[in-house]
Protein backbone atom coordinates (compact mmCIF):
# COMPACT_ATOMS: atom_id res chain seq x y z
CA MET A 1 105.20 84.69 87.68
CA LYS A 2 106.07 83.76 91.28
CA THR A 3 104.44 86.97 92.49
CA ALA A 4 101.25 86.11 90.63
CA ILE A 5 101.21 82.68 92.30
CA LYS A 6 101.62 84.28 95.73
CA ILE A 7 98.79 86.72 95.05
CA PHE A 8 96.59 83.89 93.77
CA SER A 9 97.31 81.90 96.95
CA LEU A 10 96.44 84.93 99.05
CA ALA A 11 93.21 85.38 97.10
CA ILE A 12 92.18 81.77 97.68
CA ILE A 13 92.78 82.11 101.41
CA ALA A 14 90.83 85.36 101.55
CA LEU A 15 87.94 84.02 99.48
CA THR A 16 87.74 80.89 101.65
CA PHE A 17 87.77 83.06 104.74
CA SER A 18 85.06 85.34 103.33
CA ALA A 19 82.71 82.42 102.78
CA SER A 20 82.59 81.76 106.53
CA VAL A 21 82.05 85.34 107.75
CA GLY A 22 80.11 88.41 106.71
CA ALA A 23 83.04 90.80 106.46
CA ALA A 24 86.71 90.63 107.24
CA ARG A 25 89.79 92.79 107.39
CA LEU A 26 92.95 90.75 107.12
CA LYS A 27 96.10 92.42 108.46
CA ILE A 28 99.28 91.27 106.74
CA ALA A 29 102.82 92.37 107.58
CA THR A 30 105.96 92.17 105.46
CA LEU A 31 109.52 93.39 105.38
CA ALA A 32 109.06 94.45 101.75
CA PRO A 33 109.30 98.24 101.59
CA ALA A 34 106.30 100.30 100.50
CA GLY A 35 106.46 101.25 96.84
CA THR A 36 108.36 98.15 95.71
CA ALA A 37 107.13 95.94 92.90
CA TRP A 38 106.20 93.26 95.43
CA MET A 39 103.99 95.65 97.42
CA LYS A 40 102.40 97.01 94.25
CA GLU A 41 101.48 93.45 93.22
CA MET A 42 100.12 92.65 96.68
CA LYS A 43 98.00 95.81 96.72
CA ALA A 44 96.67 95.02 93.24
CA GLY A 45 95.75 91.54 94.45
CA ALA A 46 94.06 93.02 97.52
CA GLU A 47 91.98 95.29 95.29
CA GLN A 48 90.87 92.30 93.22
CA ILE A 49 89.91 90.43 96.38
CA LYS A 50 87.93 93.43 97.61
CA GLN A 51 86.08 93.69 94.28
CA ARG A 52 85.39 89.97 93.94
CA THR A 53 84.04 89.73 97.47
CA GLU A 54 81.99 92.91 97.02
CA GLY A 55 83.93 94.58 99.81
CA ARG A 56 83.44 91.78 102.34
CA VAL A 57 87.17 91.06 102.48
CA LYS A 58 89.74 93.82 102.76
CA LEU A 59 93.47 93.41 103.17
CA LYS A 60 95.54 95.90 105.11
CA PHE A 61 99.29 95.71 104.61
CA TYR A 62 102.00 96.73 107.03
CA PRO A 63 105.11 97.08 104.81
CA GLY A 64 108.71 97.89 105.57
CA GLY A 65 108.97 95.97 108.83
CA VAL A 66 106.71 98.31 110.81
CA MET A 67 105.37 95.25 112.66
CA GLY A 68 108.88 94.01 113.38
CA ASN A 69 111.12 91.33 111.92
CA ASP A 70 109.92 87.95 110.65
CA LYS A 71 110.06 86.38 114.10
CA SER A 72 107.94 89.20 115.58
CA VAL A 73 105.40 88.87 112.77
CA HIS A 74 105.09 85.11 113.38
CA ARG A 75 104.49 85.78 117.08
CA LYS A 76 101.84 88.38 116.27
CA ILE A 77 100.10 85.91 113.97
CA LYS A 78 100.06 83.31 116.76
CA ILE A 79 98.44 85.73 119.21
CA GLY A 80 95.92 86.98 116.64
CA GLN A 81 97.24 90.53 116.23
CA LEU A 82 97.94 89.81 112.54
CA GLN A 83 96.23 87.39 110.18
CA GLY A 84 99.21 86.84 107.91
CA GLY A 85 102.63 87.76 106.69
CA ALA A 86 104.52 87.78 103.43
CA PHE A 87 107.85 86.07 103.98
CA THR A 88 110.87 85.17 101.93
CA PRO A 89 112.16 81.60 102.21
CA GLY A 90 115.04 82.92 104.30
CA GLY A 91 112.61 84.61 106.66
CA LEU A 92 110.67 81.40 107.12
CA ALA A 93 113.87 79.42 107.73
CA GLN A 94 114.85 81.79 110.56
CA VAL A 95 111.62 81.07 112.39
CA ASN A 96 111.24 77.37 111.60
CA PRO A 97 114.49 75.78 110.39
């Protein structure tokens, strides 16, 4: 259920973003390994977003920490290299206690 809420939140953000631009590719990093249930849910949500926006919004995931740890991902979001990240509460607390 919590995963569905996260995907729904991601969809709302993407749909809001798509209303203001013609097309977008949102890059999202996470420590969740590829092939896990969490990544499968996120990819399913990304496919729904792509379909509902008629391909105007696409999400690209960087799983397994390939973009670095949570702190690195936050920094990359701030500088515009990434548009988002999927964090655990512990990962958020490390960056912003």
